[in-house]
Structures are given as C-alpha cells and as structure tokens.
Amino acid sequence: MNDFNFFQVYEERHTTDNNNILIYGLTILIIIAIVTYPIINVIKIRNLDGEVVAIKEQVESPKIKSRLNEIESKKNTIEELELKYGVLSKVEYRMKTLDIVNEYLIDILTKSMPSGIHFSSIKINRSSIQVDGVGMNKDSIAILQNNLRKIELFDNMYVPSISSNRGFYNFSLTMNIKGVNIDEAN
C-alpha cells in the first residue's frame, strides 16, 4: 500500500525558498563588499593625503629650513676640510721622506768625518749639500773630501774656500747629490 503525503508540496517549496534566500544573501554580501572596499580605500587615501600635507608643512617650516641650511653649510665645510686633509697628508708624507733622506745624508757625512774636523753648518736642499766647518789642518779637509768621494753618492764635489784663522782652517765643501736633476728638485 502506498502512503499519501499531502504536505510534500509544502516541503519542496520550503527548501527552494531557503536556497533562494541563501543565494540572495550571498549576492547582497558580495555587492556590499565590492561597494565598501573602494569607499574604505578612498577614506584611507584622504587620511594619508592629510598626513602628507601636515608633514610637508612641517618640513617647509622656517625652523626646519634654517636647520637644513646650517647642515648643508657644515657638510660643505667638511668636504673642504677633507680636501685639505688629503693635501696635507700628501705634504706630510713628502716631508717625512725628505726628513729620512736628510737624516741619512747627515749620518753619511758624520761617519765620513775624520778626526780633527768639526762641522759648523750643514745646508741640505733637494739637489745639493753645503758643509761649512773647521779643520785642524788641510790634510784632514782633504781626507774628508776623499772619504765622501769613495761613497759615490755625491757628484761635483769641490772645496770653494779654505781660510786660516788662529791656527785652524775654516772650509766650505759643496757637492751635488747623484741621481737628482736640478729640474726635478725645483
């Protein structure tokens, strides 16, 4: 025997109504999301534009501009000082190398000095040396000149003057340093 269900029509309609409500609800939620997302972004953009304007006003204030000018002038001063430091460090290096050469030459002169000779002054420039001194006799002056010639570091060595003074001999010895051109020295 078959049962008759008289409420079946109502039950089918009820499930289709629920499906339609679900579809309409989801559609409305999607439309709301599509509409509100750009609105939220526009609001965020306006807030950020307001912040940009506030920051721009703050940066362009006279107090900040004067501080930026002060920093820029200090930066320029630092760059100038760095350039000067570079030049001075090169000069210092050249001075140190010249001092080493001068000390080396003085050491050679004093080691070549025989007994009975005393130097009054030594003038060293880039290409030549002039020694003024006092000797006990002319032979000690000649020995000094001979000792310096043996070193072969000097060129054009000569004694332009020897004079007698109270039993001692004042002399002047002039020589060029080998390997230094006069043009390079200047």
N, C-alpha and C. Protein backbone atom coordinates (compact mmCIF):
# COMPACT_ATOMS: atom_id res chain seq x y z
N MET A 1 0.80 -1.16 0.00
CA MET A 1 0.00 0.00 0.00
C MET A 1 0.86 1.24 0.00
N ASN A 2 0.36 2.16 -0.67
CA ASN A 2 1.07 3.42 -0.83
C ASN A 2 0.53 4.46 0.13
N ASP A 3 1.51 5.20 0.66
CA ASP A 3 1.12 6.29 1.56
C ASP A 3 1.04 7.57 0.75
N PHE A 4 0.12 8.33 1.16
CA PHE A 4 -0.03 9.62 0.51
C PHE A 4 0.51 10.70 1.43
N ASN A 5 1.34 11.53 0.84
CA ASN A 5 1.88 12.64 1.61
C ASN A 5 1.33 13.92 1.03
N PHE A 6 0.44 14.50 1.73
CA PHE A 6 -0.22 15.70 1.25
C PHE A 6 0.61 16.96 1.53
N PHE A 7 1.65 16.85 2.34
CA PHE A 7 2.47 18.03 2.70
C PHE A 7 3.74 18.13 1.85
N GLN A 8 3.89 17.21 0.95
CA GLN A 8 5.10 17.19 0.12
C GLN A 8 5.25 18.47 -0.68
N VAL A 9 4.26 19.03 -1.17
CA VAL A 9 4.30 20.26 -1.95
C VAL A 9 4.84 21.38 -1.08
N TYR A 10 4.40 21.42 0.12
CA TYR A 10 4.86 22.47 1.01
C TYR A 10 6.33 22.27 1.41
N GLU A 11 6.73 21.09 1.57
CA GLU A 11 8.12 20.81 1.95
C GLU A 11 9.07 21.16 0.81
N GLU A 12 8.78 20.87 -0.41
CA GLU A 12 9.64 21.20 -1.56
C GLU A 12 9.75 22.70 -1.72
N ARG A 13 8.67 23.40 -1.54
CA ARG A 13 8.68 24.84 -1.67
C ARG A 13 9.55 25.46 -0.57
N HIS A 14 9.50 24.90 0.61
CA HIS A 14 10.26 25.44 1.74
C HIS A 14 11.77 25.31 1.48
N THR A 15 12.27 24.24 0.92
CA THR A 15 13.69 24.07 0.64
C THR A 15 14.13 24.98 -0.50
N THR A 16 13.32 25.19 -1.48
CA THR A 16 13.69 26.12 -2.57
C THR A 16 13.71 27.54 -2.06
N ASP A 17 12.85 27.87 -1.14
CA ASP A 17 12.86 29.21 -0.55
C ASP A 17 14.15 29.43 0.24
N ASN A 18 14.56 28.41 0.95
CA ASN A 18 15.82 28.51 1.71
C ASN A 18 17.02 28.67 0.76
N ASN A 19 17.04 27.97 -0.32
CA ASN A 19 18.13 28.10 -1.30
C ASN A 19 18.13 29.49 -1.93
N ASN A 20 16.97 29.99 -2.24
CA ASN A 20 16.88 31.34 -2.83
C ASN A 20 17.34 32.40 -1.84
N ILE A 21 16.97 32.25 -0.59
CA ILE A 21 17.39 33.20 0.44
C ILE A 21 18.91 33.16 0.59
N LEU A 22 19.47 31.99 0.56
CA LEU A 22 20.93 31.85 0.67
C LEU A 22 21.63 32.49 -0.51
N ILE A 23 21.16 32.28 -1.70
CA ILE A 23 21.76 32.88 -2.92
C ILE A 23 21.62 34.40 -2.88
N TYR A 24 20.43 34.89 -2.53
CA TYR A 24 20.22 36.35 -2.45
C TYR A 24 21.10 36.97 -1.36
N GLY A 25 21.24 36.29 -0.27
CA GLY A 25 22.07 36.81 0.84
C GLY A 25 23.54 36.91 0.44
N LEU A 26 24.02 35.86 -0.21
CA LEU A 26 25.43 35.90 -0.66
C LEU A 26 25.64 36.98 -1.72
N THR A 27 24.71 37.14 -2.61
CA THR A 27 24.82 38.16 -3.65
C THR A 27 24.86 39.55 -3.01
N ILE A 28 24.00 39.77 -2.04
CA ILE A 28 23.97 41.08 -1.36
C ILE A 28 25.28 41.32 -0.62
N LEU A 29 25.81 40.30 0.03
CA LEU A 29 27.10 40.46 0.74
C LEU A 29 28.23 40.78 -0.23
N ILE A 30 28.26 40.13 -1.37
CA ILE A 30 29.31 40.40 -2.37
C ILE A 30 29.19 41.82 -2.90
N ILE A 31 27.98 42.25 -3.17
CA ILE A 31 27.77 43.62 -3.67
C ILE A 31 28.19 44.63 -2.61
N ILE A 32 27.84 44.38 -1.37
CA ILE A 32 28.25 45.29 -0.28
C ILE A 32 29.78 45.33 -0.18
N ALA A 33 30.43 44.20 -0.29
CA ALA A 33 31.90 44.16 -0.21
C ALA A 33 32.51 44.92 -1.38
N ILE A 34 31.96 44.74 -2.58
CA ILE A 34 32.50 45.43 -3.76
C ILE A 34 32.31 46.93 -3.63
N VAL A 35 31.24 47.37 -3.05
CA VAL A 35 30.98 48.81 -2.90
C VAL A 35 31.79 49.40 -1.75
N THR A 36 31.91 48.70 -0.63
CA THR A 36 32.58 49.28 0.54
C THR A 36 34.10 49.27 0.41
N TYR A 37 34.67 48.32 -0.31
CA TYR A 37 36.14 48.26 -0.43
C TYR A 37 36.70 49.56 -1.05
N PRO A 38 36.18 50.05 -2.19
CA PRO A 38 36.69 51.32 -2.73
C PRO A 38 36.41 52.50 -1.80
N ILE A 39 35.28 52.47 -1.11
CA ILE A 39 34.97 53.57 -0.20
C ILE A 39 36.00 53.61 0.93
N ILE A 40 36.32 52.46 1.48
CA ILE A 40 37.33 52.39 2.55
C ILE A 40 38.69 52.88 2.02
N ASN A 41 39.06 52.47 0.81
CA ASN A 41 40.33 52.92 0.23
C ASN A 41 40.34 54.43 0.00
N VAL A 42 39.25 55.00 -0.45
CA VAL A 42 39.17 56.45 -0.65
C VAL A 42 39.36 57.16 0.68
N ILE A 43 38.75 56.64 1.72
CA ILE A 43 38.89 57.24 3.05
C ILE A 43 40.35 57.16 3.51
N LYS A 44 40.99 56.01 3.31
CA LYS A 44 42.40 55.86 3.69
C LYS A 44 43.28 56.83 2.89
N ILE A 45 43.01 56.96 1.60
CA ILE A 45 43.81 57.86 0.75
C ILE A 45 43.66 59.30 1.24
N ARG A 46 42.43 59.71 1.59
CA ARG A 46 42.23 61.08 2.09
C ARG A 46 42.97 61.30 3.40
N ASN A 47 42.98 60.31 4.27
CA ASN A 47 43.72 60.44 5.53
C ASN A 47 45.22 60.56 5.27
N LEU A 48 45.72 59.74 4.34
CA LEU A 48 47.15 59.81 4.01
C LEU A 48 47.51 61.13 3.35
N ASP A 49 46.61 61.65 2.50
CA ASP A 49 46.85 62.97 1.89
C ASP A 49 46.93 64.05 2.97
N GLY A 50 46.07 63.94 3.98
CA GLY A 50 46.11 64.89 5.09
C GLY A 50 47.42 64.80 5.85
N GLU A 51 47.91 63.58 6.06
CA GLU A 51 49.20 63.40 6.74
C GLU A 51 50.34 63.96 5.90
N VAL A 52 50.28 63.74 4.58
CA VAL A 52 51.32 64.26 3.69
C VAL A 52 51.35 65.78 3.75
N VAL A 53 50.20 66.41 3.73
CA VAL A 53 50.14 67.87 3.80
C VAL A 53 50.71 68.35 5.13
N ALA A 54 50.38 67.68 6.22
CA ALA A 54 50.90 68.08 7.54
C ALA A 54 52.42 67.93 7.60
N ILE A 55 52.93 66.83 7.07
CA ILE A 55 54.39 66.62 7.09
C ILE A 55 55.07 67.63 6.18
N LYS A 56 54.47 67.93 5.04
CA LYS A 56 55.06 68.91 4.11
C LYS A 56 55.12 70.29 4.76
N GLU A 57 54.06 70.67 5.48
CA GLU A 57 54.06 71.95 6.19
C GLU A 57 55.15 71.97 7.26
N GLN A 58 55.31 70.85 7.93
CA GLN A 58 56.33 70.77 8.98
C GLN A 58 57.73 70.88 8.39
N VAL A 59 57.97 70.21 7.27
CA VAL A 59 59.30 70.25 6.63
C VAL A 59 59.59 71.63 6.06
N GLU A 60 58.59 72.29 5.55
CA GLU A 60 58.79 73.60 4.93
C GLU A 60 58.75 74.74 5.94
N SER A 61 58.68 74.43 7.21
CA SER A 61 58.66 75.48 8.22
C SER A 61 60.00 76.20 8.25
N PRO A 62 60.01 77.48 8.60
CA PRO A 62 61.27 78.25 8.62
C PRO A 62 62.32 77.65 9.56
N LYS A 63 61.88 77.08 10.67
CA LYS A 63 62.81 76.49 11.63
C LYS A 63 63.57 75.33 10.99
N ILE A 64 62.85 74.46 10.30
CA ILE A 64 63.47 73.30 9.66
C ILE A 64 64.36 73.76 8.50
N LYS A 65 63.90 74.74 7.73
CA LYS A 65 64.71 75.22 6.60
C LYS A 65 66.02 75.82 7.08
N SER A 66 65.99 76.58 8.17
CA SER A 66 67.23 77.16 8.68
C SER A 66 68.16 76.06 9.17
N ARG A 67 67.60 75.04 9.78
CA ARG A 67 68.42 73.91 10.25
C ARG A 67 69.03 73.15 9.07
N LEU A 68 68.25 72.97 7.99
CA LEU A 68 68.78 72.31 6.79
C LEU A 68 69.90 73.13 6.16
N ASN A 69 69.73 74.45 6.12
CA ASN A 69 70.80 75.31 5.58
C ASN A 69 72.06 75.21 6.43
N GLU A 70 71.88 75.14 7.73
CA GLU A 70 73.03 75.00 8.63
C GLU A 70 73.74 73.68 8.40
N ILE A 71 72.97 72.62 8.24
CA ILE A 71 73.56 71.30 7.98
C ILE A 71 74.27 71.28 6.64
N GLU A 72 73.68 71.91 5.64
CA GLU A 72 74.31 71.97 4.30
C GLU A 72 75.62 72.73 4.36
N SER A 73 75.66 73.83 5.10
CA SER A 73 76.92 74.59 5.20
C SER A 73 77.98 73.77 5.94
N LYS A 74 77.58 73.03 6.97
CA LYS A 74 78.54 72.18 7.68
C LYS A 74 79.04 71.06 6.78
N LYS A 75 78.16 70.53 5.94
CA LYS A 75 78.55 69.49 5.00
C LYS A 75 79.59 70.03 4.03
N ASN A 76 79.36 71.24 3.52
CA ASN A 76 80.34 71.86 2.60
C ASN A 76 81.67 72.09 3.31
N THR A 77 81.61 72.53 4.56
CA THR A 77 82.83 72.75 5.33
C THR A 77 83.60 71.45 5.52
N ILE A 78 82.86 70.38 5.80
CA ILE A 78 83.50 69.07 5.99
C ILE A 78 84.17 68.62 4.69
N GLU A 79 83.49 68.83 3.55
CA GLU A 79 84.09 68.44 2.26
C GLU A 79 85.37 69.23 2.00
N GLU A 80 85.34 70.53 2.30
CA GLU A 80 86.55 71.34 2.12
C GLU A 80 87.67 70.85 3.03
N LEU A 81 87.33 70.54 4.28
CA LEU A 81 88.35 70.06 5.21
C LEU A 81 88.92 68.71 4.79
N GLU A 82 88.07 67.85 4.22
CA GLU A 82 88.57 66.57 3.74
C GLU A 82 89.54 66.76 2.58
N LEU A 83 89.24 67.72 1.69
CA LEU A 83 90.17 68.01 0.60
C LEU A 83 91.49 68.52 1.15
N LYS A 84 91.42 69.44 2.10
CA LYS A 84 92.64 69.98 2.69
C LYS A 84 93.41 68.90 3.43
N TYR A 85 92.69 68.00 4.10
CA TYR A 85 93.35 66.91 4.79
C TYR A 85 94.11 66.02 3.81
N GLY A 86 93.50 65.76 2.66
CA GLY A 86 94.18 64.95 1.64
C GLY A 86 95.47 65.60 1.19
N VAL A 87 95.41 66.90 0.94
CA VAL A 87 96.61 67.63 0.51
C VAL A 87 97.66 67.62 1.62
N LEU A 88 97.22 67.88 2.85
CA LEU A 88 98.17 67.91 3.97
C LEU A 88 98.80 66.55 4.23
N SER A 89 98.04 65.49 4.06
CA SER A 89 98.62 64.17 4.27
C SER A 89 99.68 63.87 3.22
N LYS A 90 99.46 64.33 1.99
CA LYS A 90 100.49 64.16 0.95
C LYS A 90 101.73 64.97 1.29
N VAL A 91 101.52 66.20 1.76
CA VAL A 91 102.66 67.04 2.14
C VAL A 91 103.41 66.41 3.31
N GLU A 92 102.67 65.89 4.28
CA GLU A 92 103.30 65.25 5.43
C GLU A 92 104.14 64.05 4.99
N TYR A 93 103.60 63.26 4.08
CA TYR A 93 104.35 62.10 3.58
C TYR A 93 105.64 62.54 2.90
N ARG A 94 105.56 63.58 2.07
CA ARG A 94 106.76 64.06 1.39
C ARG A 94 107.77 64.62 2.39
N MET A 95 107.25 65.30 3.43
CA MET A 95 108.16 65.84 4.45
C MET A 95 108.87 64.71 5.18
N LYS A 96 108.12 63.64 5.50
CA LYS A 96 108.75 62.52 6.19
C LYS A 96 109.81 61.87 5.33
N THR A 97 109.53 61.71 4.04
CA THR A 97 110.53 61.10 3.17
C THR A 97 111.74 62.01 3.03
N LEU A 98 111.53 63.32 2.99
CA LEU A 98 112.67 64.23 2.92
C LEU A 98 113.48 64.19 4.22
N ASP A 99 112.79 64.12 5.36
CA ASP A 99 113.49 64.03 6.64
C ASP A 99 114.35 62.78 6.70
N ILE A 100 113.83 61.66 6.20
CA ILE A 100 114.59 60.42 6.20
C ILE A 100 115.85 60.58 5.36
N VAL A 101 115.69 61.21 4.19
CA VAL A 101 116.85 61.43 3.32
C VAL A 101 117.85 62.35 4.01
N ASN A 102 117.36 63.43 4.62
CA ASN A 102 118.26 64.36 5.31
C ASN A 102 119.01 63.66 6.45
N GLU A 103 118.32 62.86 7.24
CA GLU A 103 118.97 62.14 8.34
C GLU A 103 120.01 61.16 7.79
N TYR A 104 119.67 60.51 6.69
CA TYR A 104 120.60 59.56 6.06
C TYR A 104 121.85 60.30 5.59
N LEU A 105 121.66 61.43 4.95
CA LEU A 105 122.82 62.19 4.45
C LEU A 105 123.68 62.71 5.60
N ILE A 106 123.07 63.20 6.65
CA ILE A 106 123.83 63.68 7.80
C ILE A 106 124.62 62.53 8.43
N ASP A 107 124.00 61.37 8.50
CA ASP A 107 124.68 60.20 9.04
C ASP A 107 125.90 59.86 8.19
N ILE A 108 125.76 59.89 6.87
CA ILE A 108 126.89 59.61 5.97
C ILE A 108 128.00 60.64 6.17
N LEU A 109 127.62 61.92 6.29
CA LEU A 109 128.62 62.97 6.46
C LEU A 109 129.39 62.79 7.78
N THR A 110 128.69 62.49 8.84
CA THR A 110 129.37 62.37 10.14
C THR A 110 130.24 61.10 10.20
N LYS A 111 129.83 60.02 9.52
CA LYS A 111 130.65 58.81 9.51
C LYS A 111 131.90 59.00 8.65
N SER A 112 131.84 59.89 7.68
CA SER A 112 133.00 60.14 6.80
C SER A 112 133.95 61.17 7.39
N MET A 113 133.60 61.76 8.48
CA MET A 113 134.37 62.84 9.06
C MET A 113 135.59 62.28 9.82
N PRO A 114 136.80 62.66 9.42
CA PRO A 114 137.99 62.20 10.14
C PRO A 114 138.18 63.01 11.43
N SER A 115 139.11 62.55 12.25
CA SER A 115 139.37 63.31 13.47
C SER A 115 140.04 64.63 13.08
N GLY A 116 139.75 65.65 13.84
CA GLY A 116 140.31 66.96 13.56
C GLY A 116 139.39 67.82 12.70
N ILE A 117 138.22 67.33 12.38
CA ILE A 117 137.24 68.10 11.60
C ILE A 117 135.99 68.28 12.46
N HIS A 118 135.46 69.50 12.42
CA HIS A 118 134.20 69.82 13.10
C HIS A 118 133.34 70.62 12.13
N PHE A 119 132.06 70.22 12.03
CA PHE A 119 131.15 70.93 11.14
C PHE A 119 130.52 72.10 11.87
N SER A 120 130.48 73.26 11.21
CA SER A 120 129.80 74.44 11.76
C SER A 120 128.35 74.47 11.30
N SER A 121 128.15 74.15 10.02
CA SER A 121 126.78 74.13 9.49
C SER A 121 126.70 73.16 8.31
N ILE A 122 125.53 72.62 8.15
CA ILE A 122 125.25 71.73 7.02
C ILE A 122 123.94 72.22 6.40
N LYS A 123 123.98 72.56 5.12
CA LYS A 123 122.78 73.00 4.41
C LYS A 123 122.46 71.94 3.35
N ILE A 124 121.28 71.35 3.49
CA ILE A 124 120.85 70.31 2.56
C ILE A 124 119.60 70.81 1.86
N ASN A 125 119.65 70.86 0.55
CA ASN A 125 118.43 71.11 -0.20
C ASN A 125 118.18 69.91 -1.10
N ARG A 126 117.29 70.00 -2.02
CA ARG A 126 116.91 68.81 -2.79
C ARG A 126 118.02 68.24 -3.66
N SER A 127 118.90 69.08 -4.15
CA SER A 127 119.88 68.57 -5.11
C SER A 127 121.33 68.73 -4.65
N SER A 128 121.58 69.51 -3.60
CA SER A 128 122.97 69.72 -3.22
C SER A 128 123.11 69.86 -1.70
N ILE A 129 124.38 69.76 -1.28
CA ILE A 129 124.73 69.87 0.14
C ILE A 129 125.92 70.83 0.24
N GLN A 130 125.85 71.71 1.23
CA GLN A 130 126.98 72.59 1.51
C GLN A 130 127.34 72.43 2.98
N VAL A 131 128.62 72.11 3.21
CA VAL A 131 129.11 71.89 4.57
C VAL A 131 130.15 72.95 4.87
N ASP A 132 129.96 73.66 5.97
CA ASP A 132 130.96 74.61 6.46
C ASP A 132 131.51 74.02 7.75
N GLY A 133 132.83 74.10 7.89
CA GLY A 133 133.42 73.50 9.07
C GLY A 133 134.79 74.06 9.38
N VAL A 134 135.38 73.47 10.41
CA VAL A 134 136.71 73.88 10.87
C VAL A 134 137.56 72.62 10.95
N GLY A 135 138.80 72.70 10.39
CA GLY A 135 139.72 71.57 10.43
C GLY A 135 141.02 71.97 11.11
N MET A 136 141.68 70.94 11.68
CA MET A 136 142.96 71.20 12.34
C MET A 136 144.04 71.51 11.32
N ASN A 137 143.93 70.88 10.14
CA ASN A 137 144.91 71.12 9.08
C ASN A 137 144.25 70.84 7.74
N LYS A 138 144.98 71.17 6.67
CA LYS A 138 144.44 70.98 5.33
C LYS A 138 144.33 69.51 4.97
N ASP A 139 145.20 68.68 5.54
CA ASP A 139 145.15 67.25 5.24
C ASP A 139 143.84 66.62 5.71
N SER A 140 143.35 67.02 6.88
CA SER A 140 142.09 66.45 7.37
C SER A 140 140.92 66.87 6.48
N ILE A 141 140.99 68.07 5.91
CA ILE A 141 139.95 68.52 4.97
C ILE A 141 140.01 67.67 3.70
N ALA A 142 141.22 67.38 3.22
CA ALA A 142 141.38 66.55 2.03
C ALA A 142 140.92 65.12 2.29
N ILE A 143 141.18 64.60 3.49
CA ILE A 143 140.73 63.24 3.85
C ILE A 143 139.20 63.19 3.86
N LEU A 144 138.56 64.23 4.40
CA LEU A 144 137.09 64.29 4.39
C LEU A 144 136.55 64.24 2.96
N GLN A 145 137.14 65.05 2.08
CA GLN A 145 136.69 65.09 0.69
C GLN A 145 136.91 63.72 0.03
N ASN A 146 138.03 63.10 0.28
CA ASN A 146 138.33 61.79 -0.30
C ASN A 146 137.36 60.72 0.23
N ASN A 147 137.07 60.74 1.54
CA ASN A 147 136.12 59.78 2.12
C ASN A 147 134.73 59.91 1.48
N LEU A 148 134.31 61.14 1.25
CA LEU A 148 132.98 61.36 0.65
C LEU A 148 132.95 60.94 -0.82
N ARG A 149 134.06 61.08 -1.52
CA ARG A 149 134.10 60.63 -2.92
C ARG A 149 134.02 59.12 -3.03
N LYS A 150 134.55 58.41 -2.05
CA LYS A 150 134.51 56.95 -2.07
C LYS A 150 133.07 56.42 -1.95
N ILE A 151 132.22 57.18 -1.35
CA ILE A 151 130.83 56.75 -1.15
C ILE A 151 130.07 56.71 -2.48
N GLU A 152 130.41 57.51 -3.44
CA GLU A 152 129.80 57.59 -4.76
C GLU A 152 128.32 57.97 -4.70
N LEU A 153 127.95 58.72 -3.69
CA LEU A 153 126.59 59.23 -3.59
C LEU A 153 126.54 60.68 -4.05
N PHE A 154 127.74 61.29 -4.16
CA PHE A 154 127.82 62.71 -4.47
C PHE A 154 128.53 62.94 -5.80
N ASP A 155 128.18 64.04 -6.44
CA ASP A 155 128.78 64.48 -7.71
C ASP A 155 129.32 65.90 -7.53
N ASN A 156 130.21 66.29 -8.41
CA ASN A 156 130.71 67.68 -8.46
C ASN A 156 131.12 68.18 -7.08
N MET A 157 131.92 67.41 -6.38
CA MET A 157 132.36 67.78 -5.05
C MET A 157 133.58 68.69 -5.18
N TYR A 158 133.53 69.82 -4.50
CA TYR A 158 134.68 70.72 -4.52
C TYR A 158 134.68 71.57 -3.25
N VAL A 159 135.88 72.10 -2.96
CA VAL A 159 136.06 72.96 -1.80
C VAL A 159 136.31 74.37 -2.34
N PRO A 160 135.30 75.23 -2.32
CA PRO A 160 135.49 76.56 -2.89
C PRO A 160 136.37 77.48 -2.04
N SER A 161 136.45 77.21 -0.75
CA SER A 161 137.26 78.12 0.07
C SER A 161 137.84 77.41 1.28
N ILE A 162 139.10 77.74 1.55
CA ILE A 162 139.78 77.33 2.78
C ILE A 162 140.50 78.57 3.27
N SER A 163 140.26 78.93 4.53
CA SER A 163 140.95 80.11 5.08
C SER A 163 141.50 79.78 6.46
N SER A 164 142.65 80.37 6.77
CA SER A 164 143.31 80.12 8.05
C SER A 164 142.80 81.13 9.06
N ASN A 165 142.52 80.64 10.29
CA ASN A 165 142.01 81.51 11.33
C ASN A 165 142.51 80.97 12.68
N ARG A 166 143.55 81.63 13.28
CA ARG A 166 144.09 81.30 14.58
C ARG A 166 144.56 79.84 14.66
N GLY A 167 145.20 79.37 13.69
CA GLY A 167 145.76 78.03 13.70
C GLY A 167 144.80 76.95 13.21
N PHE A 168 143.58 77.30 12.93
CA PHE A 168 142.61 76.36 12.37
C PHE A 168 142.27 76.79 10.96
N TYR A 169 141.68 75.88 10.22
CA TYR A 169 141.32 76.17 8.84
C TYR A 169 139.79 76.08 8.68
N ASN A 170 139.18 77.20 8.33
CA ASN A 170 137.75 77.23 8.01
C ASN A 170 137.59 76.80 6.56
N PHE A 171 136.64 75.94 6.30
CA PHE A 171 136.46 75.47 4.93
C PHE A 171 134.97 75.39 4.58
N SER A 172 134.71 75.36 3.30
CA SER A 172 133.37 75.17 2.78
C SER A 172 133.45 74.07 1.73
N LEU A 173 132.61 73.06 1.85
CA LEU A 173 132.60 71.93 0.93
C LEU A 173 131.23 71.88 0.28
N THR A 174 131.20 71.87 -1.05
CA THR A 174 129.93 71.85 -1.78
C THR A 174 129.90 70.61 -2.66
N MET A 175 128.70 69.96 -2.73
CA MET A 175 128.57 68.77 -3.58
C MET A 175 127.11 68.62 -4.00
N ASN A 176 126.91 67.94 -5.13
CA ASN A 176 125.56 67.62 -5.61
C ASN A 176 125.25 66.17 -5.27
N ILE A 177 123.99 65.88 -5.07
CA ILE A 177 123.56 64.52 -4.79
C ILE A 177 123.33 63.82 -6.13
N LYS A 178 123.93 62.64 -6.30
CA LYS A 178 123.78 61.90 -7.56
C LYS A 178 122.33 61.46 -7.75
N GLY A 179 121.91 61.47 -9.00
CA GLY A 179 120.57 60.97 -9.33
C GLY A 179 119.47 61.97 -9.15
N VAL A 180 119.79 63.20 -8.76
CA VAL A 180 118.77 64.24 -8.61
C VAL A 180 119.04 65.31 -9.64
N ASN A 181 118.10 65.49 -10.57
CA ASN A 181 118.22 66.56 -11.54
C ASN A 181 117.81 67.86 -10.89
N ILE A 182 118.41 68.93 -11.32
CA ILE A 182 118.07 70.23 -10.78
C ILE A 182 116.64 70.59 -11.13
N ASP A 183 116.17 70.19 -12.33
CA ASP A 183 114.79 70.45 -12.73
C ASP A 183 113.81 69.69 -11.84
N GLU A 184 114.13 68.44 -11.45
CA GLU A 184 113.27 67.68 -10.57
C GLU A 184 113.22 68.28 -9.19
N ALA A 185 114.33 68.82 -8.73
CA ALA A 185 114.40 69.39 -7.39
C ALA A 185 113.52 70.63 -7.29
N ASN A 186 113.40 71.35 -8.36
CA ASN A 186 112.57 72.57 -8.33
C ASN A 186 111.12 72.18 -8.48
